[in-house]
N, C-alpha and C. Protein backbone atom coordinates (compact mmCIF):
# COMPACT_ATOMS: atom_id res chain seq x y z
N MET A 1 -44.84 22.22 -13.08
CA MET A 1 -45.25 20.91 -13.58
C MET A 1 -44.53 19.82 -12.79
N ARG A 2 -45.28 18.85 -12.34
CA ARG A 2 -44.70 17.80 -11.52
C ARG A 2 -43.94 16.80 -12.38
N PHE A 3 -42.80 16.33 -11.85
CA PHE A 3 -41.92 15.43 -12.62
C PHE A 3 -42.52 14.02 -12.66
N ASN A 4 -42.51 13.40 -13.83
CA ASN A 4 -43.00 12.04 -14.00
C ASN A 4 -41.83 11.07 -13.88
N TYR A 5 -41.68 10.43 -12.69
CA TYR A 5 -40.53 9.55 -12.45
C TYR A 5 -40.57 8.33 -13.36
N HIS A 6 -41.76 7.79 -13.58
CA HIS A 6 -41.87 6.57 -14.36
C HIS A 6 -41.41 6.80 -15.78
N LYS A 7 -41.69 7.96 -16.30
CA LYS A 7 -41.36 8.24 -17.70
C LYS A 7 -39.90 8.64 -17.84
N GLU A 8 -39.44 9.57 -17.01
CA GLU A 8 -38.11 10.14 -17.18
C GLU A 8 -37.01 9.29 -16.56
N PHE A 9 -37.29 8.74 -15.41
CA PHE A 9 -36.22 8.00 -14.71
C PHE A 9 -36.36 6.49 -14.89
N GLY A 10 -37.57 6.01 -15.01
CA GLY A 10 -37.78 4.57 -15.15
C GLY A 10 -38.39 4.00 -13.89
N LYS A 11 -39.50 3.26 -14.05
CA LYS A 11 -40.22 2.72 -12.91
C LYS A 11 -39.35 1.77 -12.08
N SER A 12 -38.63 0.86 -12.72
CA SER A 12 -37.86 -0.14 -11.97
C SER A 12 -36.72 0.49 -11.20
N ASN A 13 -36.00 1.44 -11.81
CA ASN A 13 -34.89 2.09 -11.12
C ASN A 13 -35.38 2.83 -9.89
N TYR A 14 -36.47 3.52 -10.03
CA TYR A 14 -36.98 4.31 -8.90
C TYR A 14 -37.48 3.42 -7.78
N ARG A 15 -38.20 2.34 -8.11
CA ARG A 15 -38.74 1.45 -7.09
C ARG A 15 -37.63 0.72 -6.35
N ASN A 16 -36.55 0.40 -7.05
CA ASN A 16 -35.46 -0.36 -6.44
C ASN A 16 -34.51 0.51 -5.63
N ALA A 17 -34.65 1.81 -5.74
CA ALA A 17 -33.74 2.70 -5.02
C ALA A 17 -34.04 2.69 -3.53
N ALA A 18 -33.01 2.85 -2.71
CA ALA A 18 -33.17 2.95 -1.26
C ALA A 18 -33.87 4.26 -0.92
N PRO A 19 -34.51 4.36 0.27
CA PRO A 19 -35.21 5.61 0.64
C PRO A 19 -34.34 6.84 0.51
N SER A 20 -33.11 6.78 1.00
CA SER A 20 -32.22 7.95 0.92
C SER A 20 -31.91 8.28 -0.54
N GLU A 21 -31.76 7.24 -1.37
CA GLU A 21 -31.50 7.47 -2.79
C GLU A 21 -32.71 8.08 -3.47
N LYS A 22 -33.92 7.65 -3.07
CA LYS A 22 -35.14 8.21 -3.66
C LYS A 22 -35.23 9.71 -3.36
N ASP A 23 -34.91 10.08 -2.13
CA ASP A 23 -34.93 11.50 -1.78
C ASP A 23 -33.95 12.28 -2.63
N GLU A 24 -32.78 11.71 -2.81
CA GLU A 24 -31.75 12.39 -3.62
C GLU A 24 -32.21 12.50 -5.07
N ILE A 25 -32.80 11.41 -5.58
CA ILE A 25 -33.28 11.41 -6.96
C ILE A 25 -34.38 12.44 -7.16
N GLU A 26 -35.33 12.47 -6.19
CA GLU A 26 -36.43 13.43 -6.29
C GLU A 26 -35.93 14.86 -6.32
N GLN A 27 -35.01 15.16 -5.42
CA GLN A 27 -34.48 16.53 -5.35
C GLN A 27 -33.76 16.92 -6.64
N LEU A 28 -32.98 15.99 -7.19
CA LEU A 28 -32.23 16.30 -8.40
C LEU A 28 -33.12 16.37 -9.63
N MET A 29 -34.08 15.45 -9.72
CA MET A 29 -34.92 15.39 -10.90
C MET A 29 -35.92 16.55 -10.98
N GLN A 30 -36.25 17.16 -9.83
CA GLN A 30 -37.16 18.29 -9.84
C GLN A 30 -36.49 19.58 -10.28
N LEU A 31 -35.15 19.54 -10.40
CA LEU A 31 -34.41 20.70 -10.88
C LEU A 31 -34.50 20.76 -12.40
N SER A 32 -34.34 21.94 -12.92
CA SER A 32 -34.27 22.09 -14.38
C SER A 32 -32.96 21.48 -14.86
N ALA A 33 -32.87 21.21 -16.15
CA ALA A 33 -31.68 20.56 -16.71
C ALA A 33 -30.39 21.33 -16.39
N PRO A 34 -30.35 22.66 -16.57
CA PRO A 34 -29.11 23.38 -16.24
C PRO A 34 -28.77 23.30 -14.75
N ASP A 35 -29.80 23.41 -13.87
CA ASP A 35 -29.55 23.35 -12.43
C ASP A 35 -29.12 21.95 -12.02
N ARG A 36 -29.73 20.94 -12.66
CA ARG A 36 -29.35 19.56 -12.34
C ARG A 36 -27.91 19.31 -12.75
N LYS A 37 -27.51 19.88 -13.87
CA LYS A 37 -26.12 19.74 -14.33
C LYS A 37 -25.16 20.38 -13.35
N LYS A 38 -25.54 21.54 -12.81
CA LYS A 38 -24.70 22.21 -11.82
C LYS A 38 -24.60 21.37 -10.54
N ALA A 39 -25.75 20.82 -10.12
CA ALA A 39 -25.76 20.01 -8.90
C ALA A 39 -24.89 18.78 -9.05
N MET A 40 -25.00 18.12 -10.22
CA MET A 40 -24.17 16.95 -10.46
C MET A 40 -22.70 17.33 -10.51
N GLY A 41 -22.41 18.51 -11.05
CA GLY A 41 -21.03 18.99 -11.07
C GLY A 41 -20.48 19.16 -9.66
N CYS A 42 -21.33 19.67 -8.76
CA CYS A 42 -20.91 19.85 -7.36
C CYS A 42 -20.65 18.50 -6.69
N LEU A 43 -21.55 17.53 -6.95
CA LEU A 43 -21.37 16.20 -6.36
C LEU A 43 -20.09 15.54 -6.86
N MET A 44 -19.83 15.68 -8.16
CA MET A 44 -18.60 15.11 -8.72
C MET A 44 -17.37 15.82 -8.17
N SER A 45 -17.49 17.13 -7.92
CA SER A 45 -16.38 17.88 -7.36
C SER A 45 -16.04 17.38 -5.95
N VAL A 46 -17.09 17.05 -5.19
CA VAL A 46 -16.89 16.49 -3.85
C VAL A 46 -16.17 15.15 -3.93
N ALA A 47 -16.61 14.31 -4.89
CA ALA A 47 -15.97 12.99 -5.06
C ALA A 47 -14.50 13.15 -5.43
N ILE A 48 -14.22 14.10 -6.31
CA ILE A 48 -12.83 14.33 -6.73
C ILE A 48 -12.01 14.88 -5.56
N ALA A 49 -12.63 15.78 -4.77
CA ALA A 49 -11.93 16.36 -3.62
C ALA A 49 -11.57 15.28 -2.60
N ILE A 50 -12.45 14.28 -2.45
CA ILE A 50 -12.16 13.17 -1.53
C ILE A 50 -11.06 12.28 -2.08
N SER A 51 -11.11 12.04 -3.39
CA SER A 51 -10.16 11.10 -4.00
C SER A 51 -8.77 11.69 -4.20
N LEU A 52 -8.70 13.01 -4.37
CA LEU A 52 -7.41 13.64 -4.70
C LEU A 52 -6.33 13.38 -3.64
N PRO A 53 -6.61 13.57 -2.33
CA PRO A 53 -5.56 13.26 -1.34
C PRO A 53 -5.12 11.80 -1.36
N ILE A 54 -6.07 10.89 -1.63
CA ILE A 54 -5.73 9.46 -1.68
C ILE A 54 -4.81 9.19 -2.87
N ILE A 55 -5.12 9.82 -4.02
CA ILE A 55 -4.27 9.66 -5.21
C ILE A 55 -2.88 10.21 -4.94
N LEU A 56 -2.81 11.38 -4.29
CA LEU A 56 -1.51 11.99 -4.00
C LEU A 56 -0.68 11.12 -3.07
N ILE A 57 -1.34 10.49 -2.09
CA ILE A 57 -0.63 9.57 -1.19
C ILE A 57 -0.06 8.40 -1.99
N GLY A 58 -0.88 7.86 -2.91
CA GLY A 58 -0.42 6.76 -3.75
C GLY A 58 0.77 7.14 -4.59
N ILE A 59 0.73 8.35 -5.19
CA ILE A 59 1.84 8.83 -6.02
C ILE A 59 3.09 9.00 -5.17
N PHE A 60 2.93 9.54 -3.95
CA PHE A 60 4.07 9.73 -3.05
C PHE A 60 4.72 8.40 -2.70
N ILE A 61 3.89 7.38 -2.40
CA ILE A 61 4.41 6.07 -2.04
C ILE A 61 5.15 5.44 -3.22
N ILE A 62 4.56 5.55 -4.41
CA ILE A 62 5.20 4.98 -5.60
C ILE A 62 6.53 5.68 -5.89
N LYS A 63 6.57 7.01 -5.71
CA LYS A 63 7.83 7.74 -5.90
C LYS A 63 8.88 7.27 -4.91
N SER A 64 8.46 6.98 -3.68
CA SER A 64 9.42 6.47 -2.69
C SER A 64 9.92 5.09 -3.09
N GLY A 65 9.09 4.33 -3.83
CA GLY A 65 9.53 3.04 -4.34
C GLY A 65 10.66 3.19 -5.35
N PHE A 66 10.55 4.21 -6.22
CA PHE A 66 11.63 4.47 -7.18
C PHE A 66 12.90 4.93 -6.47
N ARG A 67 12.72 5.72 -5.39
CA ARG A 67 13.90 6.13 -4.61
C ARG A 67 14.57 4.92 -3.96
N ARG A 68 13.73 3.98 -3.51
CA ARG A 68 14.27 2.77 -2.88
C ARG A 68 15.05 1.94 -3.90
N ILE A 69 14.58 1.90 -5.15
CA ILE A 69 15.31 1.19 -6.20
C ILE A 69 16.68 1.83 -6.41
N ASP A 70 16.71 3.16 -6.42
CA ASP A 70 18.00 3.86 -6.58
C ASP A 70 18.95 3.53 -5.43
N GLU A 71 18.41 3.51 -4.21
CA GLU A 71 19.24 3.20 -3.04
C GLU A 71 19.82 1.78 -3.14
N LEU A 72 18.98 0.83 -3.57
CA LEU A 72 19.46 -0.55 -3.68
C LEU A 72 20.50 -0.69 -4.80
N ASN A 73 20.29 0.04 -5.90
CA ASN A 73 21.28 -0.01 -6.99
C ASN A 73 22.63 0.53 -6.53
N ILE A 74 22.61 1.61 -5.76
CA ILE A 74 23.86 2.16 -5.22
C ILE A 74 24.51 1.16 -4.28
N LYS A 75 23.68 0.52 -3.46
CA LYS A 75 24.19 -0.47 -2.51
C LYS A 75 24.83 -1.65 -3.24
N LYS A 76 24.19 -2.09 -4.34
CA LYS A 76 24.74 -3.20 -5.13
C LYS A 76 26.08 -2.82 -5.76
N GLN A 77 26.17 -1.57 -6.21
CA GLN A 77 27.41 -1.10 -6.82
C GLN A 77 28.55 -1.02 -5.81
N GLN A 78 28.20 -0.72 -4.56
CA GLN A 78 29.23 -0.60 -3.52
C GLN A 78 29.62 -1.95 -2.94
N CYS A 79 28.64 -2.82 -2.78
CA CYS A 79 28.89 -4.12 -2.15
C CYS A 79 29.12 -5.16 -3.25
N THR A 80 30.36 -5.38 -3.57
CA THR A 80 30.71 -6.22 -4.72
C THR A 80 31.39 -7.54 -4.36
N GLN A 81 31.90 -7.65 -3.15
CA GLN A 81 32.63 -8.86 -2.75
C GLN A 81 31.68 -9.86 -2.10
N ARG A 82 31.52 -10.99 -2.77
CA ARG A 82 30.59 -12.00 -2.25
C ARG A 82 31.25 -12.87 -1.18
N VAL A 83 30.52 -13.04 -0.08
CA VAL A 83 30.94 -13.95 0.99
C VAL A 83 29.71 -14.73 1.44
N ASN A 84 29.93 -15.77 2.20
CA ASN A 84 28.82 -16.52 2.78
C ASN A 84 28.74 -16.22 4.27
N SER A 85 27.63 -15.61 4.67
CA SER A 85 27.40 -15.40 6.10
C SER A 85 26.85 -16.68 6.70
N ILE A 86 27.16 -16.91 7.94
CA ILE A 86 26.63 -18.07 8.65
C ILE A 86 25.76 -17.59 9.81
N VAL A 87 24.63 -18.23 9.99
CA VAL A 87 23.74 -17.88 11.11
C VAL A 87 24.35 -18.47 12.38
N GLU A 88 24.81 -17.59 13.25
CA GLU A 88 25.46 -18.07 14.48
C GLU A 88 24.53 -18.03 15.68
N GLU A 89 23.42 -17.32 15.56
CA GLU A 89 22.50 -17.19 16.70
C GLU A 89 21.12 -16.78 16.18
N ILE A 90 20.10 -17.20 16.90
CA ILE A 90 18.73 -16.75 16.61
C ILE A 90 18.23 -16.00 17.84
N LYS A 91 18.08 -14.69 17.70
CA LYS A 91 17.56 -13.89 18.80
C LYS A 91 16.04 -13.98 18.84
N THR A 92 15.51 -14.11 20.05
CA THR A 92 14.06 -14.13 20.23
C THR A 92 13.62 -12.81 20.86
N GLU A 93 12.66 -12.16 20.22
CA GLU A 93 12.17 -10.88 20.71
C GLU A 93 10.67 -10.99 20.98
N LYS A 94 10.27 -10.62 22.18
CA LYS A 94 8.85 -10.62 22.55
C LYS A 94 8.36 -9.18 22.60
N ILE A 95 7.37 -8.88 21.81
CA ILE A 95 6.87 -7.51 21.68
C ILE A 95 5.37 -7.50 21.93
N LYS A 96 4.92 -6.57 22.78
CA LYS A 96 3.50 -6.41 23.03
C LYS A 96 2.89 -5.52 21.95
N GLU A 97 1.83 -6.03 21.34
CA GLU A 97 1.15 -5.30 20.26
C GLU A 97 -0.34 -5.33 20.49
N GLU A 98 -1.02 -4.31 19.99
CA GLU A 98 -2.47 -4.23 20.11
C GLU A 98 -3.12 -4.61 18.79
N ASP A 99 -4.22 -5.37 18.89
CA ASP A 99 -4.96 -5.70 17.67
C ASP A 99 -5.98 -4.61 17.38
N SER A 100 -6.79 -4.82 16.34
CA SER A 100 -7.76 -3.80 15.92
C SER A 100 -8.84 -3.55 16.96
N ASP A 101 -9.04 -4.52 17.87
CA ASP A 101 -10.05 -4.35 18.93
C ASP A 101 -9.49 -3.72 20.18
N GLY A 102 -8.19 -3.41 20.17
CA GLY A 102 -7.58 -2.76 21.31
C GLY A 102 -7.01 -3.71 22.35
N TYR A 103 -7.08 -5.02 22.08
CA TYR A 103 -6.54 -6.00 23.02
C TYR A 103 -5.03 -6.15 22.81
N SER A 104 -4.32 -6.27 23.92
CA SER A 104 -2.86 -6.37 23.87
C SER A 104 -2.44 -7.84 23.83
N HIS A 105 -1.51 -8.13 22.93
CA HIS A 105 -0.98 -9.49 22.80
C HIS A 105 0.55 -9.42 22.78
N GLU A 106 1.17 -10.48 23.30
CA GLU A 106 2.62 -10.56 23.24
C GLU A 106 3.00 -11.51 22.10
N ASN A 107 3.63 -10.96 21.09
CA ASN A 107 4.03 -11.74 19.92
C ASN A 107 5.53 -12.02 19.97
N THR A 108 5.90 -13.18 19.48
CA THR A 108 7.30 -13.59 19.46
C THR A 108 7.86 -13.44 18.05
N TYR A 109 9.03 -12.82 17.95
CA TYR A 109 9.71 -12.64 16.67
C TYR A 109 11.11 -13.24 16.75
N TYR A 110 11.63 -13.63 15.59
CA TYR A 110 12.94 -14.26 15.52
C TYR A 110 13.85 -13.46 14.58
N ARG A 111 15.06 -13.21 15.06
CA ARG A 111 16.01 -12.43 14.27
C ARG A 111 17.35 -13.19 14.19
N PRO A 112 17.75 -13.61 12.98
CA PRO A 112 19.04 -14.31 12.85
C PRO A 112 20.20 -13.33 12.99
N VAL A 113 21.23 -13.78 13.67
CA VAL A 113 22.47 -12.99 13.78
C VAL A 113 23.51 -13.66 12.89
N LEU A 114 24.05 -12.89 11.95
CA LEU A 114 24.98 -13.44 10.96
C LEU A 114 26.43 -13.15 11.33
N LYS A 115 27.28 -14.06 10.92
CA LYS A 115 28.73 -13.87 11.08
C LYS A 115 29.38 -14.09 9.72
N TYR A 116 30.26 -13.17 9.35
CA TYR A 116 30.99 -13.35 8.08
C TYR A 116 32.41 -12.83 8.25
N GLU A 117 33.28 -13.33 7.38
CA GLU A 117 34.68 -12.92 7.41
C GLU A 117 35.05 -12.22 6.11
N PHE A 118 35.89 -11.18 6.26
CA PHE A 118 36.38 -10.47 5.08
C PHE A 118 37.80 -9.99 5.36
N GLN A 119 38.71 -10.43 4.49
CA GLN A 119 40.13 -10.08 4.61
C GLN A 119 40.66 -10.41 6.01
N GLY A 120 40.30 -11.60 6.49
CA GLY A 120 40.83 -12.12 7.74
C GLY A 120 40.20 -11.56 8.99
N ARG A 121 39.19 -10.72 8.85
CA ARG A 121 38.54 -10.14 10.02
C ARG A 121 37.09 -10.61 10.09
N GLU A 122 36.59 -10.81 11.31
CA GLU A 122 35.24 -11.32 11.53
C GLU A 122 34.27 -10.18 11.81
N TYR A 123 33.10 -10.27 11.19
CA TYR A 123 32.06 -9.24 11.38
C TYR A 123 30.74 -9.92 11.76
N HIS A 124 29.87 -9.14 12.39
CA HIS A 124 28.56 -9.64 12.81
C HIS A 124 27.47 -8.68 12.32
N LYS A 125 26.34 -9.26 11.94
CA LYS A 125 25.26 -8.45 11.38
C LYS A 125 23.91 -9.02 11.81
N ASN A 126 23.03 -8.15 12.32
CA ASN A 126 21.68 -8.59 12.66
C ASN A 126 20.84 -8.67 11.39
N GLY A 127 20.12 -9.77 11.24
CA GLY A 127 19.26 -9.95 10.08
C GLY A 127 17.87 -9.39 10.30
N MET A 128 16.98 -9.73 9.37
CA MET A 128 15.59 -9.28 9.46
C MET A 128 14.87 -9.98 10.61
N ARG A 129 13.83 -9.30 11.07
CA ARG A 129 12.98 -9.90 12.11
C ARG A 129 11.82 -10.63 11.44
N TYR A 130 11.58 -11.88 11.86
CA TYR A 130 10.51 -12.69 11.28
C TYR A 130 9.52 -13.11 12.37
N SER A 131 8.28 -13.28 11.96
CA SER A 131 7.26 -13.75 12.92
C SER A 131 7.34 -15.26 13.12
N THR A 132 7.99 -15.95 12.19
CA THR A 132 8.23 -17.39 12.34
C THR A 132 9.74 -17.64 12.17
N ARG A 133 10.17 -18.78 12.59
CA ARG A 133 11.61 -19.08 12.54
C ARG A 133 11.99 -19.53 11.13
N HIS A 134 12.63 -18.63 10.37
CA HIS A 134 12.99 -18.92 8.99
C HIS A 134 14.34 -19.63 8.86
N TYR A 135 15.22 -19.41 9.83
CA TYR A 135 16.59 -19.93 9.70
C TYR A 135 16.97 -20.73 10.94
N ASN A 136 17.96 -21.58 10.75
CA ASN A 136 18.53 -22.36 11.84
C ASN A 136 20.01 -22.01 11.97
N ILE A 137 20.55 -22.24 13.15
CA ILE A 137 21.97 -21.98 13.37
C ILE A 137 22.80 -22.86 12.42
N GLY A 138 23.73 -22.20 11.74
CA GLY A 138 24.57 -22.90 10.78
C GLY A 138 24.16 -22.69 9.33
N ASP A 139 22.98 -22.11 9.10
CA ASP A 139 22.54 -21.83 7.72
C ASP A 139 23.45 -20.79 7.08
N LEU A 140 23.69 -20.96 5.76
CA LEU A 140 24.52 -20.02 5.01
C LEU A 140 23.63 -19.06 4.23
N ILE A 141 23.98 -17.78 4.24
CA ILE A 141 23.20 -16.75 3.55
C ILE A 141 24.13 -15.94 2.66
N GLU A 142 23.75 -15.83 1.40
CA GLU A 142 24.54 -15.07 0.43
C GLU A 142 24.63 -13.60 0.84
N THR A 143 25.83 -13.09 0.90
CA THR A 143 26.08 -11.72 1.37
C THR A 143 27.11 -11.05 0.48
N TYR A 144 26.92 -9.75 0.24
CA TYR A 144 27.88 -8.97 -0.55
C TYR A 144 28.43 -7.84 0.32
N VAL A 145 29.75 -7.73 0.36
CA VAL A 145 30.43 -6.79 1.26
C VAL A 145 30.98 -5.61 0.46
N ASP A 146 30.92 -4.43 1.08
CA ASP A 146 31.54 -3.24 0.52
C ASP A 146 33.03 -3.26 0.91
N PRO A 147 33.95 -3.41 -0.06
CA PRO A 147 35.38 -3.49 0.28
C PRO A 147 35.89 -2.25 1.03
N ALA A 148 35.30 -1.10 0.74
CA ALA A 148 35.72 0.13 1.41
C ALA A 148 35.19 0.23 2.82
N ASP A 149 34.10 -0.50 3.11
CA ASP A 149 33.49 -0.48 4.43
C ASP A 149 32.87 -1.86 4.68
N PRO A 150 33.64 -2.82 5.17
CA PRO A 150 33.17 -4.21 5.30
C PRO A 150 31.93 -4.39 6.18
N GLU A 151 31.62 -3.42 7.01
CA GLU A 151 30.41 -3.53 7.81
C GLU A 151 29.15 -3.18 7.00
N HIS A 152 29.37 -2.58 5.84
CA HIS A 152 28.27 -2.23 4.94
C HIS A 152 28.05 -3.39 3.98
N VAL A 153 26.91 -4.05 4.09
CA VAL A 153 26.66 -5.26 3.30
C VAL A 153 25.31 -5.18 2.59
N TYR A 154 25.22 -5.96 1.54
CA TYR A 154 23.96 -6.14 0.81
C TYR A 154 23.60 -7.61 0.87
N ILE A 155 22.43 -7.90 1.46
CA ILE A 155 21.98 -9.29 1.62
C ILE A 155 20.68 -9.44 0.82
N PRO A 156 20.74 -10.00 -0.39
CA PRO A 156 19.56 -10.05 -1.27
C PRO A 156 18.31 -10.62 -0.64
N VAL A 157 18.44 -11.73 0.10
CA VAL A 157 17.25 -12.38 0.64
C VAL A 157 16.53 -11.48 1.64
N PHE A 158 17.27 -10.65 2.37
CA PHE A 158 16.64 -9.74 3.32
C PHE A 158 16.01 -8.54 2.61
N GLU A 159 16.71 -8.02 1.62
CA GLU A 159 16.20 -6.85 0.90
C GLU A 159 14.92 -7.17 0.14
N GLU A 160 14.84 -8.38 -0.42
CA GLU A 160 13.67 -8.76 -1.22
C GLU A 160 12.44 -9.00 -0.37
N LYS A 161 12.65 -9.48 0.87
CA LYS A 161 11.50 -9.80 1.74
C LYS A 161 11.15 -8.67 2.70
N SER A 162 11.93 -7.63 2.68
CA SER A 162 11.69 -6.51 3.59
C SER A 162 10.41 -5.76 3.20
N SER A 163 9.75 -5.16 4.21
CA SER A 163 8.56 -4.34 3.94
C SER A 163 8.92 -3.08 3.17
N SER A 164 10.22 -2.75 3.15
CA SER A 164 10.67 -1.57 2.40
C SER A 164 11.21 -1.96 1.02
N SER A 165 10.95 -3.20 0.60
CA SER A 165 11.38 -3.61 -0.74
C SER A 165 10.55 -2.87 -1.78
N PRO A 166 11.10 -2.63 -2.97
CA PRO A 166 10.33 -1.91 -4.00
C PRO A 166 8.99 -2.55 -4.32
N LYS A 167 8.95 -3.88 -4.35
CA LYS A 167 7.69 -4.57 -4.66
C LYS A 167 6.60 -4.23 -3.64
N ALA A 168 6.98 -4.28 -2.36
CA ALA A 168 6.01 -3.99 -1.29
C ALA A 168 5.56 -2.53 -1.36
N ILE A 169 6.51 -1.62 -1.65
CA ILE A 169 6.17 -0.20 -1.73
C ILE A 169 5.25 0.06 -2.92
N PHE A 170 5.57 -0.50 -4.07
CA PHE A 170 4.73 -0.30 -5.26
C PHE A 170 3.34 -0.88 -5.06
N PHE A 171 3.26 -2.01 -4.38
CA PHE A 171 1.95 -2.63 -4.12
C PHE A 171 1.09 -1.71 -3.26
N GLY A 172 1.70 -1.19 -2.17
CA GLY A 172 0.95 -0.28 -1.29
C GLY A 172 0.53 0.99 -2.01
N GLY A 173 1.43 1.57 -2.80
CA GLY A 173 1.10 2.78 -3.54
C GLY A 173 0.01 2.56 -4.57
N SER A 174 0.03 1.39 -5.22
CA SER A 174 -0.97 1.08 -6.24
C SER A 174 -2.36 0.97 -5.63
N ILE A 175 -2.45 0.42 -4.41
CA ILE A 175 -3.75 0.30 -3.75
C ILE A 175 -4.36 1.69 -3.52
N PHE A 176 -3.55 2.63 -3.00
CA PHE A 176 -4.04 3.98 -2.78
C PHE A 176 -4.43 4.64 -4.11
N LEU A 177 -3.61 4.45 -5.13
CA LEU A 177 -3.87 5.08 -6.42
C LEU A 177 -5.16 4.56 -7.05
N ILE A 178 -5.34 3.25 -7.02
CA ILE A 178 -6.56 2.65 -7.60
C ILE A 178 -7.80 3.07 -6.81
N LEU A 179 -7.69 3.06 -5.47
CA LEU A 179 -8.81 3.47 -4.64
C LEU A 179 -9.21 4.91 -4.92
N GLY A 180 -8.20 5.78 -5.04
CA GLY A 180 -8.47 7.19 -5.32
C GLY A 180 -9.13 7.39 -6.67
N LEU A 181 -8.75 6.63 -7.66
CA LEU A 181 -9.35 6.75 -8.99
C LEU A 181 -10.76 6.16 -9.03
N LEU A 182 -10.99 5.12 -8.23
CA LEU A 182 -12.30 4.46 -8.25
C LEU A 182 -13.41 5.33 -7.68
N ILE A 183 -13.08 6.21 -6.74
CA ILE A 183 -14.12 7.02 -6.09
C ILE A 183 -14.88 7.89 -7.11
N PRO A 184 -14.20 8.77 -7.89
CA PRO A 184 -14.95 9.57 -8.86
C PRO A 184 -15.52 8.75 -10.00
N ILE A 185 -14.78 7.71 -10.43
CA ILE A 185 -15.27 6.90 -11.55
C ILE A 185 -16.54 6.16 -11.17
N SER A 186 -16.54 5.53 -9.98
CA SER A 186 -17.73 4.80 -9.53
C SER A 186 -18.90 5.74 -9.29
N SER A 187 -18.63 6.95 -8.79
CA SER A 187 -19.70 7.93 -8.59
C SER A 187 -20.32 8.31 -9.93
N PHE A 188 -19.48 8.56 -10.93
CA PHE A 188 -19.99 8.93 -12.25
C PHE A 188 -20.84 7.82 -12.84
N ILE A 189 -20.34 6.55 -12.73
CA ILE A 189 -21.09 5.42 -13.29
C ILE A 189 -22.43 5.25 -12.58
N ALA A 190 -22.42 5.42 -11.24
CA ALA A 190 -23.66 5.26 -10.46
C ALA A 190 -24.70 6.29 -10.86
N TYR A 191 -24.29 7.55 -10.99
CA TYR A 191 -25.22 8.59 -11.39
C TYR A 191 -25.67 8.43 -12.84
N LYS A 192 -24.77 7.91 -13.67
CA LYS A 192 -25.11 7.67 -15.07
C LYS A 192 -26.19 6.61 -15.18
N ARG A 193 -26.06 5.55 -14.39
CA ARG A 193 -27.05 4.46 -14.42
C ARG A 193 -28.40 4.93 -13.91
N LYS A 194 -28.39 5.87 -12.99
CA LYS A 194 -29.66 6.39 -12.46
C LYS A 194 -30.31 7.41 -13.39
N GLY A 195 -29.61 7.71 -14.48
CA GLY A 195 -30.15 8.66 -15.42
C GLY A 195 -30.01 10.10 -14.99
N LEU A 196 -29.11 10.37 -14.05
CA LEU A 196 -28.95 11.73 -13.54
C LEU A 196 -27.93 12.52 -14.34
N ILE A 197 -27.16 11.84 -15.19
CA ILE A 197 -26.17 12.53 -16.00
C ILE A 197 -26.52 12.32 -17.47
């Protein structure tokens, strides 16, 4: 018995479907209910198989964010002596990078060099690299020194703006996690709207 698309699937849905979608609908709708259920199960399994690695990547990134929080907490506990670092130099770095089209460009980056004193001794520390000039020579930056190892410092402004900051890591992990979850959910909703489930 030939399948009546207008009755079972709906005239408007079928007419509005793209040619490739019509072929898919025809093939699925001509199956018996149990076979159609199996076919839809296979399609959903494929969607889940595609999404699972993306979800796992997201979970891994988020877990690394929690590890980064632990590292920063340890660093804060060790670096307890507050001093003011002074920007004594701005290093200019020119780096060749390729864009998405494969063209090479030379980009300029700026890195402040900090100087601070602890227990009568002078220390120097390279700061974060920026694409624009954030600091000027003579600027003061809040710095916390580890008394047991004065070269080990915690600089809040650098840690918060770093690409390895917990916020940046959690944001990246969340994108992967949401994308991975959307693939099977959107597939289910799409097939549900077409009346295939």
